[in-house]
Amino acid sequence: MHEVGEQFYIYIRSSFGEREKSALYDYIWKNYRRRVAFYISSLVPPQHPYFDDLVQEVLLKVYHNLHTFNPLNSFKAWLYTIARHHCLDFLKARGEKIERAAARPDVESLQSPANPETLSYQHEILDRIDGFNHALDPLDQEISYLR
């Protein structure tokens, strides 16, 4: 679905009854769960005991705050803003720090199975990208990651 069409789809469906909102939550879960988990992994390592809970809490927070979504803005930006603030609040409450090294994705989990040569090449590219990103200051790292 085109991003603008999706924004209005989400906005309109969010104003309907519970059945339609439940279908909308299913749509968001199906289409954004992995993206949210990937984004959260830039702030909290996937091995963290509360990682899965954070993903679910963010998606529930999105669902409960759909009435505040403005379709003139990007849904993805709104979603990632909620995820970022939720994770930062979580880390602050627990006295933990952001672990930026965990932001690197696992190539095998992002795509269908590939041959070993292709996976090796993709790992090499990710290593180079990581090298460039780690040379940036934290704000530029986050901008680069979101881009």
N, C-alpha and C. Protein backbone atom coordinates (compact mmCIF):
# COMPACT_ATOMS: atom_id res chain seq x y z
N MET A 1 0.85 -1.17 0.00
CA MET A 1 0.00 0.00 0.00
C MET A 1 0.91 1.23 0.00
N HIS A 2 0.58 2.22 -0.79
CA HIS A 2 1.35 3.46 -0.84
C HIS A 2 1.28 4.15 0.52
N GLU A 3 2.36 4.83 0.91
CA GLU A 3 2.45 5.38 2.27
C GLU A 3 1.32 6.36 2.58
N VAL A 4 0.99 7.26 1.65
CA VAL A 4 -0.08 8.23 1.91
C VAL A 4 -1.42 7.51 2.05
N GLY A 5 -1.67 6.55 1.17
CA GLY A 5 -2.90 5.79 1.26
C GLY A 5 -2.98 5.02 2.57
N GLU A 6 -1.84 4.49 2.99
CA GLU A 6 -1.79 3.75 4.25
C GLU A 6 -2.08 4.67 5.43
N GLN A 7 -1.54 5.88 5.40
CA GLN A 7 -1.77 6.83 6.48
C GLN A 7 -3.26 7.11 6.65
N PHE A 8 -3.95 7.34 5.54
CA PHE A 8 -5.38 7.63 5.62
C PHE A 8 -6.18 6.38 5.97
N TYR A 9 -5.73 5.22 5.49
CA TYR A 9 -6.37 3.95 5.85
C TYR A 9 -6.33 3.78 7.37
N ILE A 10 -5.16 3.98 7.95
CA ILE A 10 -5.00 3.83 9.39
C ILE A 10 -5.83 4.86 10.14
N TYR A 11 -5.79 6.10 9.67
CA TYR A 11 -6.54 7.17 10.33
C TYR A 11 -8.05 6.90 10.29
N ILE A 12 -8.55 6.53 9.15
CA ILE A 12 -10.00 6.29 9.01
C ILE A 12 -10.42 5.06 9.80
N ARG A 13 -9.66 3.98 9.70
CA ARG A 13 -10.02 2.75 10.43
C ARG A 13 -9.96 2.96 11.94
N SER A 14 -9.10 3.86 12.40
CA SER A 14 -8.96 4.08 13.84
C SER A 14 -10.19 4.75 14.44
N SER A 15 -11.01 5.36 13.61
CA SER A 15 -12.19 6.05 14.14
C SER A 15 -13.44 5.16 14.13
N PHE A 16 -13.32 3.93 13.66
CA PHE A 16 -14.46 3.01 13.63
C PHE A 16 -14.61 2.30 14.96
N GLY A 17 -15.49 1.33 14.99
CA GLY A 17 -15.76 0.57 16.20
C GLY A 17 -14.64 -0.40 16.54
N GLU A 18 -14.86 -1.14 17.61
CA GLU A 18 -13.83 -2.05 18.13
C GLU A 18 -13.45 -3.16 17.14
N ARG A 19 -14.40 -3.68 16.39
CA ARG A 19 -14.10 -4.75 15.43
C ARG A 19 -13.11 -4.25 14.37
N GLU A 20 -13.39 -3.06 13.83
CA GLU A 20 -12.51 -2.50 12.81
C GLU A 20 -11.16 -2.12 13.41
N LYS A 21 -11.17 -1.61 14.64
CA LYS A 21 -9.91 -1.27 15.29
C LYS A 21 -9.09 -2.52 15.58
N SER A 22 -9.78 -3.62 15.89
CA SER A 22 -9.08 -4.87 16.12
C SER A 22 -8.43 -5.35 14.82
N ALA A 23 -9.13 -5.21 13.71
CA ALA A 23 -8.56 -5.57 12.41
C ALA A 23 -7.39 -4.66 12.08
N LEU A 24 -7.50 -3.40 12.46
CA LEU A 24 -6.41 -2.45 12.23
C LEU A 24 -5.18 -2.84 13.06
N TYR A 25 -5.39 -3.26 14.30
CA TYR A 25 -4.27 -3.71 15.13
C TYR A 25 -3.59 -4.92 14.48
N ASP A 26 -4.39 -5.84 13.96
CA ASP A 26 -3.82 -7.00 13.26
C ASP A 26 -2.98 -6.55 12.07
N TYR A 27 -3.46 -5.55 11.35
CA TYR A 27 -2.73 -5.02 10.20
C TYR A 27 -1.40 -4.40 10.67
N ILE A 28 -1.45 -3.61 11.71
CA ILE A 28 -0.23 -2.98 12.22
C ILE A 28 0.73 -4.04 12.74
N TRP A 29 0.23 -5.01 13.47
CA TRP A 29 1.08 -6.09 14.00
C TRP A 29 1.76 -6.82 12.85
N LYS A 30 0.99 -7.20 11.84
CA LYS A 30 1.53 -7.96 10.73
C LYS A 30 2.56 -7.16 9.92
N ASN A 31 2.30 -5.87 9.71
CA ASN A 31 3.15 -5.07 8.84
C ASN A 31 4.26 -4.30 9.55
N TYR A 32 4.16 -4.12 10.86
CA TYR A 32 5.14 -3.27 11.54
C TYR A 32 5.86 -3.94 12.70
N ARG A 33 5.46 -5.12 13.12
CA ARG A 33 6.10 -5.77 14.26
C ARG A 33 7.60 -5.95 14.03
N ARG A 34 7.99 -6.47 12.89
CA ARG A 34 9.41 -6.69 12.62
C ARG A 34 10.17 -5.37 12.50
N ARG A 35 9.54 -4.37 11.90
CA ARG A 35 10.19 -3.06 11.77
C ARG A 35 10.42 -2.43 13.15
N VAL A 36 9.40 -2.53 13.99
CA VAL A 36 9.53 -1.99 15.35
C VAL A 36 10.60 -2.74 16.11
N ALA A 37 10.62 -4.06 16.01
CA ALA A 37 11.64 -4.86 16.70
C ALA A 37 13.03 -4.49 16.21
N PHE A 38 13.17 -4.29 14.90
CA PHE A 38 14.46 -3.91 14.34
C PHE A 38 14.89 -2.54 14.88
N TYR A 39 13.94 -1.60 14.92
CA TYR A 39 14.26 -0.27 15.44
C TYR A 39 14.62 -0.34 16.93
N ILE A 40 13.85 -1.07 17.70
CA ILE A 40 14.13 -1.19 19.13
C ILE A 40 15.50 -1.81 19.36
N SER A 41 15.92 -2.70 18.46
CA SER A 41 17.24 -3.33 18.62
C SER A 41 18.37 -2.32 18.53
N SER A 42 18.10 -1.11 18.02
CA SER A 42 19.12 -0.07 18.00
C SER A 42 19.28 0.58 19.38
N LEU A 43 18.32 0.35 20.25
CA LEU A 43 18.34 0.95 21.59
C LEU A 43 18.52 -0.09 22.70
N VAL A 44 17.92 -1.25 22.49
CA VAL A 44 17.95 -2.32 23.48
C VAL A 44 18.37 -3.60 22.75
N PRO A 45 19.36 -4.31 23.27
CA PRO A 45 19.80 -5.52 22.56
C PRO A 45 18.69 -6.57 22.52
N PRO A 46 18.58 -7.30 21.41
CA PRO A 46 17.54 -8.34 21.30
C PRO A 46 17.64 -9.42 22.37
N GLN A 47 18.82 -9.57 22.99
CA GLN A 47 18.99 -10.58 24.04
C GLN A 47 18.46 -10.10 25.39
N HIS A 48 18.08 -8.83 25.47
CA HIS A 48 17.58 -8.27 26.73
C HIS A 48 16.32 -9.04 27.14
N PRO A 49 16.18 -9.36 28.42
CA PRO A 49 15.01 -10.15 28.85
C PRO A 49 13.66 -9.49 28.58
N TYR A 50 13.63 -8.17 28.43
CA TYR A 50 12.36 -7.47 28.20
C TYR A 50 12.18 -7.02 26.75
N PHE A 51 13.05 -7.48 25.85
CA PHE A 51 13.00 -7.03 24.46
C PHE A 51 11.63 -7.32 23.82
N ASP A 52 11.17 -8.55 23.89
CA ASP A 52 9.87 -8.90 23.29
C ASP A 52 8.72 -8.14 23.94
N ASP A 53 8.82 -7.93 25.24
CA ASP A 53 7.79 -7.16 25.94
C ASP A 53 7.76 -5.72 25.43
N LEU A 54 8.94 -5.15 25.19
CA LEU A 54 9.01 -3.77 24.68
C LEU A 54 8.33 -3.67 23.31
N VAL A 55 8.57 -4.62 22.44
CA VAL A 55 7.95 -4.61 21.11
C VAL A 55 6.43 -4.64 21.26
N GLN A 56 5.95 -5.55 22.09
CA GLN A 56 4.50 -5.66 22.28
C GLN A 56 3.93 -4.40 22.93
N GLU A 57 4.60 -3.86 23.93
CA GLU A 57 4.12 -2.65 24.60
C GLU A 57 4.06 -1.47 23.64
N VAL A 58 5.06 -1.34 22.77
CA VAL A 58 5.05 -0.25 21.79
C VAL A 58 3.86 -0.38 20.86
N LEU A 59 3.61 -1.59 20.36
CA LEU A 59 2.49 -1.77 19.43
C LEU A 59 1.15 -1.56 20.13
N LEU A 60 1.05 -1.93 21.39
CA LEU A 60 -0.18 -1.65 22.15
C LEU A 60 -0.34 -0.15 22.38
N LYS A 61 0.76 0.52 22.65
CA LYS A 61 0.71 1.97 22.85
C LYS A 61 0.28 2.67 21.55
N VAL A 62 0.77 2.18 20.43
CA VAL A 62 0.36 2.71 19.13
C VAL A 62 -1.15 2.52 18.96
N TYR A 63 -1.62 1.34 19.25
CA TYR A 63 -3.05 1.04 19.13
C TYR A 63 -3.89 1.96 20.01
N HIS A 64 -3.48 2.13 21.26
CA HIS A 64 -4.26 2.95 22.19
C HIS A 64 -4.18 4.44 21.88
N ASN A 65 -3.19 4.85 21.10
CA ASN A 65 -3.04 6.26 20.77
C ASN A 65 -3.34 6.58 19.31
N LEU A 66 -4.01 5.66 18.62
CA LEU A 66 -4.35 5.90 17.22
C LEU A 66 -5.16 7.19 17.02
N HIS A 67 -5.94 7.55 18.03
CA HIS A 67 -6.75 8.76 17.91
C HIS A 67 -5.89 10.03 17.84
N THR A 68 -4.62 9.93 18.21
CA THR A 68 -3.74 11.11 18.16
C THR A 68 -2.95 11.18 16.85
N PHE A 69 -3.06 10.15 16.01
CA PHE A 69 -2.31 10.13 14.76
C PHE A 69 -2.92 11.11 13.77
N ASN A 70 -2.05 11.94 13.17
CA ASN A 70 -2.46 12.90 12.16
C ASN A 70 -2.07 12.35 10.79
N PRO A 71 -3.03 12.07 9.91
CA PRO A 71 -2.70 11.46 8.63
C PRO A 71 -1.90 12.36 7.69
N LEU A 72 -1.76 13.62 8.04
CA LEU A 72 -0.94 14.51 7.22
C LEU A 72 0.55 14.28 7.50
N ASN A 73 0.85 13.55 8.56
CA ASN A 73 2.24 13.21 8.89
C ASN A 73 2.49 11.74 8.58
N SER A 74 3.73 11.36 8.58
CA SER A 74 4.11 9.98 8.28
C SER A 74 3.74 9.05 9.44
N PHE A 75 3.06 7.95 9.11
CA PHE A 75 2.72 6.97 10.14
C PHE A 75 3.98 6.33 10.71
N LYS A 76 4.94 6.03 9.83
CA LYS A 76 6.18 5.39 10.28
C LYS A 76 6.93 6.28 11.26
N ALA A 77 7.02 7.57 10.95
CA ALA A 77 7.71 8.49 11.85
C ALA A 77 7.00 8.55 13.20
N TRP A 78 5.68 8.58 13.18
CA TRP A 78 4.89 8.61 14.41
C TRP A 78 5.12 7.33 15.21
N LEU A 79 5.10 6.20 14.52
CA LEU A 79 5.32 4.91 15.16
C LEU A 79 6.71 4.82 15.79
N TYR A 80 7.74 5.22 15.04
CA TYR A 80 9.11 5.15 15.55
C TYR A 80 9.34 6.15 16.69
N THR A 81 8.64 7.26 16.66
CA THR A 81 8.75 8.22 17.77
C THR A 81 8.19 7.61 19.04
N ILE A 82 7.07 6.94 18.94
CA ILE A 82 6.49 6.26 20.10
C ILE A 82 7.45 5.18 20.59
N ALA A 83 8.00 4.40 19.68
CA ALA A 83 8.94 3.34 20.06
C ALA A 83 10.16 3.92 20.75
N ARG A 84 10.71 4.98 20.21
CA ARG A 84 11.91 5.60 20.79
C ARG A 84 11.64 6.10 22.20
N HIS A 85 10.55 6.86 22.35
CA HIS A 85 10.24 7.41 23.67
C HIS A 85 9.94 6.30 24.69
N HIS A 86 9.24 5.28 24.26
CA HIS A 86 8.92 4.18 25.17
C HIS A 86 10.20 3.48 25.63
N CYS A 87 11.10 3.21 24.70
CA CYS A 87 12.35 2.53 25.05
C CYS A 87 13.24 3.40 25.92
N LEU A 88 13.32 4.69 25.61
CA LEU A 88 14.14 5.58 26.43
C LEU A 88 13.58 5.68 27.85
N ASP A 89 12.25 5.75 27.97
CA ASP A 89 11.63 5.76 29.30
C ASP A 89 11.93 4.46 30.05
N PHE A 90 11.85 3.34 29.35
CA PHE A 90 12.14 2.04 29.94
C PHE A 90 13.59 1.99 30.45
N LEU A 91 14.52 2.40 29.60
CA LEU A 91 15.94 2.37 29.98
C LEU A 91 16.22 3.32 31.14
N LYS A 92 15.62 4.50 31.10
CA LYS A 92 15.82 5.49 32.17
C LYS A 92 15.28 4.96 33.50
N ALA A 93 14.11 4.33 33.47
CA ALA A 93 13.50 3.80 34.69
C ALA A 93 14.35 2.68 35.29
N ARG A 94 15.02 1.92 34.46
CA ARG A 94 15.85 0.81 34.93
C ARG A 94 17.30 1.21 35.15
N GLY A 95 17.64 2.46 34.82
CA GLY A 95 19.01 2.92 35.00
C GLY A 95 19.98 2.28 34.03
N GLU A 96 19.50 1.86 32.87
CA GLU A 96 20.35 1.22 31.86
C GLU A 96 20.70 2.23 30.77
N LYS A 97 21.73 1.91 30.02
CA LYS A 97 22.17 2.78 28.94
C LYS A 97 21.81 2.16 27.59
N ILE A 98 21.73 3.01 26.58
CA ILE A 98 21.47 2.55 25.22
C ILE A 98 22.67 1.76 24.74
N GLU A 99 22.42 0.61 24.12
CA GLU A 99 23.49 -0.21 23.58
C GLU A 99 23.45 -0.12 22.07
N ARG A 100 24.19 0.82 21.53
CA ARG A 100 24.18 1.07 20.08
C ARG A 100 24.76 -0.08 19.26
N ALA A 101 25.63 -0.86 19.82
CA ALA A 101 26.25 -1.95 19.07
C ALA A 101 25.23 -2.99 18.64
N ALA A 102 24.10 -3.04 19.31
CA ALA A 102 23.09 -4.05 18.99
C ALA A 102 22.27 -3.68 17.77
N ALA A 103 22.53 -2.51 17.17
CA ALA A 103 21.72 -2.05 16.05
C ALA A 103 21.95 -2.85 14.77
N ARG A 104 23.03 -3.59 14.69
CA ARG A 104 23.33 -4.33 13.47
C ARG A 104 22.35 -5.49 13.27
N PRO A 105 21.71 -5.54 12.13
CA PRO A 105 20.74 -6.61 11.89
C PRO A 105 21.43 -7.94 11.59
N ASP A 106 20.71 -8.99 11.79
CA ASP A 106 21.17 -10.32 11.41
C ASP A 106 20.71 -10.55 9.98
N VAL A 107 21.64 -10.65 9.06
CA VAL A 107 21.32 -10.75 7.64
C VAL A 107 20.38 -11.91 7.37
N GLU A 108 20.63 -13.05 7.99
CA GLU A 108 19.82 -14.23 7.72
C GLU A 108 18.36 -14.04 8.11
N SER A 109 18.09 -13.22 9.13
CA SER A 109 16.72 -13.04 9.57
C SER A 109 15.96 -12.02 8.73
N LEU A 110 16.66 -11.25 7.91
CA LEU A 110 16.02 -10.19 7.14
C LEU A 110 15.59 -10.62 5.75
N GLN A 111 16.00 -11.76 5.31
CA GLN A 111 15.70 -12.17 3.95
C GLN A 111 15.46 -13.66 3.86
N SER A 112 15.06 -14.07 2.70
CA SER A 112 14.90 -15.50 2.46
C SER A 112 16.29 -16.13 2.35
N PRO A 113 16.37 -17.46 2.49
CA PRO A 113 17.67 -18.12 2.46
C PRO A 113 18.44 -17.80 1.17
N ALA A 114 19.74 -17.54 1.33
CA ALA A 114 20.60 -17.22 0.20
C ALA A 114 21.81 -18.14 0.25
N ASN A 115 22.58 -18.11 -0.81
CA ASN A 115 23.77 -18.95 -0.83
C ASN A 115 24.85 -18.34 0.06
N PRO A 116 25.82 -19.12 0.50
CA PRO A 116 26.84 -18.63 1.42
C PRO A 116 27.66 -17.46 0.87
N GLU A 117 27.89 -17.44 -0.43
CA GLU A 117 28.65 -16.35 -1.03
C GLU A 117 27.90 -15.02 -0.88
N THR A 118 26.60 -15.04 -1.14
CA THR A 118 25.79 -13.84 -1.00
C THR A 118 25.76 -13.37 0.45
N LEU A 119 25.58 -14.29 1.39
CA LEU A 119 25.56 -13.92 2.81
C LEU A 119 26.91 -13.33 3.23
N SER A 120 27.99 -13.89 2.76
CA SER A 120 29.32 -13.38 3.08
C SER A 120 29.48 -11.96 2.56
N TYR A 121 29.03 -11.73 1.34
CA TYR A 121 29.11 -10.40 0.75
C TYR A 121 28.27 -9.40 1.56
N GLN A 122 27.07 -9.81 1.95
CA GLN A 122 26.21 -8.92 2.72
C GLN A 122 26.81 -8.62 4.09
N HIS A 123 27.44 -9.61 4.72
CA HIS A 123 28.11 -9.36 6.00
C HIS A 123 29.24 -8.36 5.83
N GLU A 124 29.98 -8.47 4.74
CA GLU A 124 31.08 -7.54 4.48
C GLU A 124 30.55 -6.12 4.31
N ILE A 125 29.45 -5.98 3.59
CA ILE A 125 28.85 -4.65 3.41
C ILE A 125 28.39 -4.09 4.75
N LEU A 126 27.73 -4.92 5.56
CA LEU A 126 27.27 -4.46 6.87
C LEU A 126 28.44 -4.07 7.76
N ASP A 127 29.55 -4.80 7.68
CA ASP A 127 30.74 -4.44 8.46
C ASP A 127 31.25 -3.06 8.07
N ARG A 128 31.25 -2.78 6.79
CA ARG A 128 31.71 -1.46 6.32
C ARG A 128 30.75 -0.36 6.78
N ILE A 129 29.47 -0.62 6.66
CA ILE A 129 28.47 0.37 7.09
C ILE A 129 28.62 0.61 8.59
N ASP A 130 28.79 -0.46 9.37
CA ASP A 130 28.99 -0.32 10.82
C ASP A 130 30.20 0.55 11.11
N GLY A 131 31.28 0.35 10.36
CA GLY A 131 32.50 1.14 10.56
C GLY A 131 32.25 2.62 10.34
N PHE A 132 31.53 2.94 9.29
CA PHE A 132 31.20 4.34 9.01
C PHE A 132 30.29 4.91 10.09
N ASN A 133 29.27 4.15 10.48
CA ASN A 133 28.32 4.63 11.49
C ASN A 133 28.97 4.83 12.85
N HIS A 134 29.88 3.96 13.24
CA HIS A 134 30.51 4.09 14.56
C HIS A 134 31.44 5.30 14.63
N ALA A 135 31.84 5.81 13.47
CA ALA A 135 32.69 7.00 13.44
C ALA A 135 31.88 8.28 13.64
N LEU A 136 30.55 8.18 13.53
CA LEU A 136 29.67 9.34 13.68
C LEU A 136 29.35 9.59 15.14
N ASP A 137 28.92 10.81 15.44
CA ASP A 137 28.46 11.08 16.81
C ASP A 137 27.08 10.42 16.99
N PRO A 138 26.63 10.22 18.22
CA PRO A 138 25.39 9.46 18.47
C PRO A 138 24.15 9.99 17.73
N LEU A 139 23.99 11.30 17.64
CA LEU A 139 22.82 11.84 16.95
C LEU A 139 22.87 11.51 15.46
N ASP A 140 24.04 11.66 14.84
CA ASP A 140 24.18 11.34 13.43
C ASP A 140 24.03 9.84 13.19
N GLN A 141 24.44 9.02 14.17
CA GLN A 141 24.26 7.57 14.05
C GLN A 141 22.76 7.25 13.98
N GLU A 142 21.99 7.90 14.82
CA GLU A 142 20.56 7.63 14.84
C GLU A 142 19.91 8.10 13.55
N ILE A 143 20.31 9.27 13.05
CA ILE A 143 19.78 9.77 11.79
C ILE A 143 20.11 8.81 10.66
N SER A 144 21.34 8.36 10.63
CA SER A 144 21.77 7.41 9.61
C SER A 144 20.98 6.12 9.71
N TYR A 145 20.78 5.63 10.90
CA TYR A 145 20.04 4.39 11.11
C TYR A 145 18.60 4.53 10.62
N LEU A 146 17.94 5.64 10.98
CA LEU A 146 16.56 5.84 10.58
C LEU A 146 16.42 6.02 9.07
N ARG A 147 17.42 6.62 8.47
CA ARG A 147 17.39 6.80 7.02
C ARG A 147 17.53 5.47 6.32
